[in-house]
Protein backbone atom coordinates (compact mmCIF):
# COMPACT_ATOMS: atom_id res chain seq x y z
CA MET A 1 157.91 109.97 101.49
CA ARG A 2 155.98 112.70 99.09
CA ALA A 3 156.97 113.34 95.84
CA VAL A 4 158.81 116.87 94.49
CA GLY A 5 156.18 119.44 94.37
CA THR A 6 153.32 118.32 95.72
CA LEU A 7 151.00 120.17 97.85
CA PRO A 8 150.59 118.85 101.85
CA ILE A 9 147.11 118.88 102.23
CA GLU A 10 144.72 117.83 104.50
CA LEU A 11 141.40 116.68 105.91
CA SER A 12 140.65 119.94 107.16
CA ASP A 13 142.18 122.16 103.54
CA ALA A 14 140.37 119.50 101.67
CA VAL A 15 136.94 120.30 103.72
CA LEU A 16 137.66 124.32 103.96
CA LEU A 17 138.13 123.94 100.07
CA THR A 18 135.03 121.80 98.93
CA ALA A 19 132.83 124.35 101.71
CA LEU A 20 133.83 127.68 99.69
CA LEU A 21 133.71 125.63 96.36
CA LEU A 22 129.77 124.71 97.64
CA MET A 23 129.33 128.11 99.07
CA PHE A 24 130.57 129.77 95.48
CA THR A 25 128.22 127.58 93.48
CA HIS A 26 125.60 128.53 96.01
CA PHE A 27 126.14 132.14 96.11
CA GLY A 28 127.18 133.11 92.73
CA ILE A 29 125.69 130.95 89.91
CA PRO A 30 122.67 132.70 91.32
CA LEU A 31 123.88 135.86 91.64
CA ALA A 32 125.57 135.95 87.69
CA TYR A 33 122.24 135.11 86.25
CA TYR A 34 120.88 137.57 87.67
CA CYS A 35 123.89 140.20 86.72
CA TYR A 36 122.74 139.04 83.72
CA LEU A 37 118.91 139.24 83.19
CA ARG A 38 119.15 142.49 85.02
CA ASN A 39 121.46 143.62 82.53
CA ARG A 40 119.70 142.48 79.49
CA TRP A 41 116.45 142.95 80.22
CA LEU A 42 115.75 145.55 82.60
CA ARG A 43 117.69 148.50 80.02
CA ARG A 44 114.69 147.07 77.65
CA PRO A 45 112.63 149.69 77.08
CA TRP A 46 108.78 147.72 78.38
CA GLY A 47 106.34 149.38 75.65
CA ILE A 48 104.80 150.75 78.71
CA GLY A 49 101.52 153.47 78.76
CA ARG A 50 98.95 154.97 79.97
CA ASP A 51 95.61 154.08 78.02
CA LEU A 52 93.60 157.60 78.62
CA SER A 53 90.26 155.72 76.74
CA TYR A 54 90.28 153.39 79.77
CA LYS A 55 87.51 152.95 81.34
CA ARG A 56 86.98 151.11 84.64
CA LYS A 57 84.60 147.88 85.03
CA SER A 58 84.03 148.55 88.44
CA LYS A 59 82.92 151.36 90.96
CA GLY A 60 84.85 152.33 94.02
CA VAL A 61 82.32 152.64 97.42
CA THR A 62 83.58 155.85 99.10
CA LEU A 63 83.05 156.45 102.88
CA GLY A 64 79.55 159.03 102.27
CA GLU A 65 78.16 156.06 100.09
CA ILE A 66 78.39 153.68 103.07
CA ARG A 67 76.87 156.23 105.63
CA ALA A 68 74.16 157.46 103.34
CA SER A 69 72.82 153.48 103.12
CA LYS A 70 72.99 153.38 106.80
CA LYS A 71 70.88 156.54 107.06
CA VAL A 72 68.30 154.45 105.03
CA GLN A 73 67.76 151.00 106.26
CA GLU A 74 68.01 153.11 109.41
CA GLN A 75 65.03 154.56 108.37
CA ARG A 76 63.12 151.45 106.90
CA VAL A 77 63.53 149.89 109.65
CA CYS A 78 62.05 152.43 112.28
CA SER A 79 59.20 153.03 110.19
CA GLY A 80 58.58 149.61 109.52
CA LEU A 81 58.36 149.55 113.70
CA ARG A 82 56.33 152.57 114.31
CA SER A 83 53.92 151.26 111.28
CA ASN A 84 53.05 147.89 114.15
């Protein structure tokens, strides 16, 4: 006989409770950590500003420059073929 005041727990109930505990641990702790970090760090000013004196070190090539260089290369190739 069972003692008075104890809860009847079957194996399926124990498995269900274990699954719920693992699910809470798997999803709840990272979610709580994310909320903690969001409230603590994301709301602070980041100290980011534009540097108006910044000059980039490389230059992007435009489509017009590519077409112009291809025309020059074609002229060189065609002029080399004519002279031979």
